[in-house]
C-alpha atoms as a PDB file:
ATOM      1  CA  MET A   1     -56.883 -36.920  30.855  1.00  0.00           C
ATOM      2  CA  THR A   2     -54.620 -35.784  33.651  1.00  0.00           C
ATOM      3  CA  ALA A   3     -51.006 -34.761  33.575  1.00  0.00           C
ATOM      4  CA  ASP A   4     -48.470 -37.146  34.988  1.00  0.00           C
ATOM      5  CA  PRO A   5     -47.449 -35.734  38.412  1.00  0.00           C
ATOM      6  CA  SER A   6     -44.100 -37.562  38.436  1.00  0.00           C
ATOM      7  CA  PRO A   7     -41.039 -35.299  38.455  1.00  0.00           C
ATOM      8  CA  VAL A   8     -39.101 -34.802  35.250  1.00  0.00           C
ATOM      9  CA  GLU A   9     -35.957 -36.860  35.172  1.00  0.00           C
ATOM     10  CA  PRO A  10     -32.795 -34.864  34.465  1.00  0.00           C
ATOM     11  CA  SER A  11     -30.991 -35.794  31.293  1.00  0.00           C
ATOM     12  CA  PRO A  12     -28.032 -38.076  31.873  1.00  0.00           C
ATOM     13  CA  VAL A  13     -24.660 -36.384  32.123  1.00  0.00           C
ATOM     14  CA  SER A  14     -21.639 -37.677  30.315  1.00  0.00           C
ATOM     15  CA  PRO A  15     -19.252 -39.524  32.665  1.00  0.00           C
ATOM     16  CA  ASN A  16     -16.468 -37.156  31.526  1.00  0.00           C
ATOM     17  CA  VAL A  17     -18.249 -34.074  32.886  1.00  0.00           C
ATOM     18  CA  ASN A  18     -17.853 -33.048  36.512  1.00  0.00           C
ATOM     19  CA  VAL A  19     -21.108 -31.766  37.937  1.00  0.00           C
ATOM     20  CA  ILE A  20     -20.897 -29.579  41.009  1.00  0.00           C
ATOM     21  CA  PRO A  21     -24.173 -29.449  42.884  1.00  0.00           C
ATOM     22  CA  ILE A  22     -25.310 -25.963  43.843  1.00  0.00           C
ATOM     23  CA  GLU A  23     -26.917 -25.591  47.225  1.00  0.00           C
ATOM     24  CA  PRO A  24     -29.740 -23.040  47.453  1.00  0.00           C
ATOM     25  CA  MET A  25     -29.022 -20.068  49.685  1.00  0.00           C
ATOM     26  CA  ASP A  26     -31.253 -19.604  52.684  1.00  0.00           C
ATOM     27  CA  ASP A  27     -32.261 -15.972  52.645  1.00  0.00           C
ATOM     28  CA  MET A  28     -30.417 -14.647  49.599  1.00  0.00           C
ATOM     29  CA  THR A  29     -31.681 -14.593  46.059  1.00  0.00           C
ATOM     30  CA  CYS A  30     -29.139 -14.728  43.269  1.00  0.00           C
ATOM     31  CA  ASN A  31     -30.028 -12.757  40.178  1.00  0.00           C
ATOM     32  CA  VAL A  32     -27.517 -12.727  37.395  1.00  0.00           C
ATOM     33  CA  PHE A  33     -27.855 -10.084  34.723  1.00  0.00           C
ATOM     34  CA  CYS A  34     -25.627 -10.078  31.693  1.00  0.00           C
ATOM     35  CA  TYR A  35     -25.839  -7.425  29.015  1.00  0.00           C
ATOM     36  CA  ALA A  36     -23.627  -5.613  26.570  1.00  0.00           C
ATOM     37  CA  ALA A  37     -23.901  -2.018  25.535  1.00  0.00           C
ATOM     38  CA  LEU A  38     -22.061  -1.541  22.278  1.00  0.00           C
ATOM     39  CA  ALA A  39     -21.517   1.981  21.110  1.00  0.00           C
ATOM     40  CA  ASP A  40     -18.977   3.978  19.238  1.00  0.00           C
ATOM     41  CA  LYS A  41     -16.919   6.354  21.364  1.00  0.00           C
ATOM     42  CA  HIS A  42     -16.453   8.878  18.582  1.00  0.00           C
ATOM     43  CA  SER A  43     -19.432  10.715  17.219  1.00  0.00           C
ATOM     44  CA  GLY A  44     -19.253  11.253  13.485  1.00  0.00           C
ATOM     45  CA  THR A  45     -17.460   7.961  12.791  1.00  0.00           C
ATOM     46  CA  MET A  46     -17.340   6.615   9.267  1.00  0.00           C
ATOM     47  CA  TYR A  47     -15.912   3.270   8.147  1.00  0.00           C
ATOM     48  CA  THR A  48     -14.718   2.824   4.562  1.00  0.00           C
ATOM     49  CA  ASP A  49     -13.441   0.033   2.342  1.00  0.00           C
ATOM     50  CA  ALA A  50     -13.587  -1.156  -1.250  1.00  0.00           C
ATOM     51  CA  THR A  51     -15.069  -4.416  -2.442  1.00  0.00           C
ATOM     52  CA  GLY A  52     -13.086  -6.964  -4.351  1.00  0.00           C
ATOM     53  CA  ALA A  53     -13.399  -7.006  -8.117  1.00  0.00           C
ATOM     54  CA  LEU A  54     -16.871  -7.930  -9.289  1.00  0.00           C
ATOM     55  CA  PRO A  55     -17.052 -10.749 -11.848  1.00  0.00           C
ATOM     56  CA  VAL A  56     -17.993  -8.460 -14.745  1.00  0.00           C
ATOM     57  CA  VAL A  57     -17.417  -4.847 -15.699  1.00  0.00           C
ATOM     58  CA  SER A  58     -20.583  -2.721 -15.793  1.00  0.00           C
ATOM     59  CA  LEU A  59     -21.665  -0.812 -18.892  1.00  0.00           C
ATOM     60  CA  ASP A  60     -20.263   2.323 -17.236  1.00  0.00           C
ATOM     61  CA  GLY A  61     -16.851   0.654 -16.837  1.00  0.00           C
ATOM     62  CA  ASN A  62     -17.093   0.024 -13.082  1.00  0.00           C
ATOM     63  CA  GLN A  63     -15.856  -3.182 -11.497  1.00  0.00           C
ATOM     64  CA  TYR A  64     -15.645  -2.243  -7.801  1.00  0.00           C
ATOM     65  CA  TYR A  65     -17.711  -0.519  -5.143  1.00  0.00           C
ATOM     66  CA  PHE A  66     -16.393   1.926  -2.591  1.00  0.00           C
ATOM     67  CA  VAL A  67     -18.480   1.232   0.514  1.00  0.00           C
ATOM     68  CA  ALA A  68     -18.755   3.658   3.412  1.00  0.00           C
ATOM     69  CA  TYR A  69     -20.731   3.064   6.587  1.00  0.00           C
ATOM     70  CA  ALA A  70     -21.667   6.196   8.531  1.00  0.00           C
ATOM     71  CA  TYR A  71     -22.327   5.144  12.119  1.00  0.00           C
ATOM     72  CA  ASP A  72     -24.460   8.042  13.408  1.00  0.00           C
ATOM     73  CA  PRO A  73     -27.047   8.106  10.604  1.00  0.00           C
ATOM     74  CA  ASN A  74     -26.671   4.302  10.231  1.00  0.00           C
ATOM     75  CA  TYR A  75     -26.339   4.565   6.468  1.00  0.00           C
ATOM     76  CA  ILE A  76     -24.379   2.496   3.951  1.00  0.00           C
ATOM     77  CA  PHE A  77     -23.020   4.319   0.905  1.00  0.00           C
ATOM     78  CA  ALA A  78     -22.029   2.250  -2.130  1.00  0.00           C
ATOM     79  CA  VAL A  79     -20.263   4.223  -4.835  1.00  0.00           C
ATOM     80  CA  PRO A  80     -19.402   2.328  -8.043  1.00  0.00           C
ATOM     81  CA  ILE A  81     -15.777   2.840  -9.056  1.00  0.00           C
ATOM     82  CA  ALA A  82     -13.800   1.662 -12.070  1.00  0.00           C
ATOM     83  CA  ASN A  83     -10.543   0.755 -10.326  1.00  0.00           C
ATOM     84  CA  LEU A  84      -8.643   1.032  -7.048  1.00  0.00           C
ATOM     85  CA  ARG A  85      -6.274   3.824  -8.059  1.00  0.00           C
ATOM     86  CA  ASP A  86      -5.669   6.616  -5.558  1.00  0.00           C
ATOM     87  CA  ASP A  87      -7.505   9.317  -7.527  1.00  0.00           C
ATOM     88  CA  THR A  88     -10.583   7.082  -7.966  1.00  0.00           C
ATOM     89  CA  ILE A  89     -10.756   6.296  -4.248  1.00  0.00           C
ATOM     90  CA  ILE A  90     -10.340   9.964  -3.294  1.00  0.00           C
ATOM     91  CA  ALA A  91     -13.141  10.940  -5.711  1.00  0.00           C
ATOM     92  CA  ALA A  92     -15.411   8.346  -4.039  1.00  0.00           C
ATOM     93  CA  PHE A  93     -14.383   9.669  -0.591  1.00  0.00           C
ATOM     94  CA  ASP A  94     -15.284  13.181  -1.704  1.00  0.00           C
ATOM     95  CA  GLU A  95     -18.670  12.083  -3.054  1.00  0.00           C
ATOM     96  CA  VAL A  96     -19.556  10.398   0.248  1.00  0.00           C
ATOM     97  CA  PHE A  97     -18.297  13.344   2.331  1.00  0.00           C
ATOM     98  CA  GLN A  98     -20.309  15.839   0.278  1.00  0.00           C
ATOM     99  CA  GLN A  99     -23.494  13.745   0.569  1.00  0.00           C
ATOM    100  CA  LEU A 100     -23.064  13.494   4.332  1.00  0.00           C
ATOM    101  CA  LYS A 101     -22.399  17.236   4.663  1.00  0.00           C
ATOM    102  CA  THR A 102     -25.532  18.142   2.689  1.00  0.00           C
ATOM    103  CA  LYS A 103     -27.563  15.949   5.062  1.00  0.00           C
ATOM    104  CA  GLY A 104     -26.024  17.600   8.143  1.00  0.00           C
ATOM    105  CA  PHE A 105     -23.522  14.910   9.179  1.00  0.00           C
ATOM    106  CA  LYS A 106     -19.841  15.777   9.129  1.00  0.00           C
ATOM    107  CA  PRO A 107     -17.542  12.790   9.560  1.00  0.00           C
ATOM    108  CA  ALA A 108     -15.063  13.487  12.367  1.00  0.00           C
ATOM    109  CA  PHE A 109     -13.319  10.095  12.475  1.00  0.00           C
ATOM    110  CA  ASN A 110     -12.608   7.632   9.668  1.00  0.00           C
ATOM    111  CA  VAL A 111     -11.620   3.983  10.009  1.00  0.00           C
ATOM    112  CA  THR A 112     -10.259   2.447   6.820  1.00  0.00           C
ATOM    113  CA  ASP A 113      -7.720  -0.072   5.601  1.00  0.00           C
ATOM    114  CA  ASN A 114      -4.357   1.183   4.407  1.00  0.00           C
ATOM    115  CA  GLN A 115      -5.327   1.219   0.728  1.00  0.00           C
ATOM    116  CA  ALA A 116      -4.251   4.572  -0.813  1.00  0.00           C
ATOM    117  CA  ALA A 117      -3.064   5.655   2.645  1.00  0.00           C
ATOM    118  CA  THR A 118      -1.099   8.786   1.687  1.00  0.00           C
ATOM    119  CA  PRO A 119      -3.813  10.423  -0.463  1.00  0.00           C
ATOM    120  CA  ILE A 120      -6.470   9.499   2.103  1.00  0.00           C
ATOM    121  CA  LYS A 121      -4.426  11.140   4.872  1.00  0.00           C
ATOM    122  CA  ALA A 122      -4.110  14.302   2.789  1.00  0.00           C
ATOM    123  CA  TYR A 123      -7.840  14.360   2.013  1.00  0.00           C
ATOM    124  CA  LEU A 124      -8.892  13.705   5.613  1.00  0.00           C
ATOM    125  CA  THR A 125      -6.479  16.389   6.861  1.00  0.00           C
ATOM    126  CA  LYS A 126      -8.058  18.856   4.426  1.00  0.00           C
ATOM    127  CA  GLU A 127     -11.505  17.858   5.736  1.00  0.00           C
ATOM    128  CA  GLU A 128     -10.296  18.146   9.373  1.00  0.00           C
ATOM    129  CA  THR A 129     -11.116  14.505  10.055  1.00  0.00           C
ATOM    130  CA  GLU A 130      -9.110  12.125  12.229  1.00  0.00           C
ATOM    131  CA  TRP A 131      -8.304   8.672  10.890  1.00  0.00           C
ATOM    132  CA  GLN A 132      -7.346   5.178  11.921  1.00  0.00           C
ATOM    133  CA  PHE A 133      -5.806   2.734   9.474  1.00  0.00           C
ATOM    134  CA  VAL A 134      -6.283  -0.984  10.089  1.00  0.00           C
ATOM    135  CA  GLU A 135      -4.646  -3.976   8.487  1.00  0.00           C
ATOM    136  CA  PRO A 136      -6.440  -5.087   5.312  1.00  0.00           C
ATOM    137  CA  ASN A 137      -7.105  -8.570   6.717  1.00  0.00           C
ATOM    138  CA  ASN A 138      -8.440  -7.394  10.090  1.00  0.00           C
ATOM    139  CA  HIS A 139     -12.169  -7.579   9.422  1.00  0.00           C
ATOM    140  CA  ARG A 140     -13.234  -7.164  13.050  1.00  0.00           C
ATOM    141  CA  VAL A 141     -12.125  -3.552  13.438  1.00  0.00           C
ATOM    142  CA  ASN A 142     -13.533  -2.087  10.254  1.00  0.00           C
ATOM    143  CA  ALA A 143     -17.344  -2.058  10.296  1.00  0.00           C
ATOM    144  CA  ALA A 144     -17.283  -1.407   6.551  1.00  0.00           C
ATOM    145  CA  GLU A 145     -16.433  -5.089   6.087  1.00  0.00           C
ATOM    146  CA  ARG A 146     -19.839  -6.022   7.499  1.00  0.00           C
ATOM    147  CA  ALA A 147     -21.455  -3.173   5.550  1.00  0.00           C
ATOM    148  CA  ILE A 148     -20.003  -4.641   2.345  1.00  0.00           C
ATOM    149  CA  GLN A 149     -21.648  -7.977   3.112  1.00  0.00           C
ATOM    150  CA  THR A 150     -24.955  -6.283   3.892  1.00  0.00           C
ATOM    151  CA  PHE A 151     -24.732  -4.277   0.665  1.00  0.00           C
ATOM    152  CA  LYS A 152     -23.954  -7.390  -1.397  1.00  0.00           C
ATOM    153  CA  ASN A 153     -26.875  -9.270   0.197  1.00  0.00           C
ATOM    154  CA  HIS A 154     -29.265  -6.522  -0.929  1.00  0.00           C
ATOM    155  CA  PHE A 155     -27.561  -5.810  -4.244  1.00  0.00           C
ATOM    156  CA  ILE A 156     -27.482  -9.294  -5.718  1.00  0.00           C
END
């Protein structure tokens, strides 16, 4: 059995598509390299957000999760919380900050939505951490939105 030596026919092109033939260059080789290097400019960045209400309340009385994604150690924290009141969110912030500090990572920059903005500003000022607030519906800026999905995929 031998292979058919006939050239492969190109697939037909739609009549609505303009095809521009490319002439090969004589003594030049064209190499096109495309790559993306994605990195965070700030070291010590942490992204935080809270999940929506879970369908049932746990035996401990929790119905939400406070999710924090620490970029440098590449770790997702999920702290169960009972509600979205300011004091509950600040307590979850403090728990995450203390865990990171004991492991040798001090958050220097926090990206979060504007939920409980005034108490969060006061807490982050006390911790000497810069912050950036994003709109609650802007899911592209806050990496915690993706961390929430990753957490839910492993949790359920």
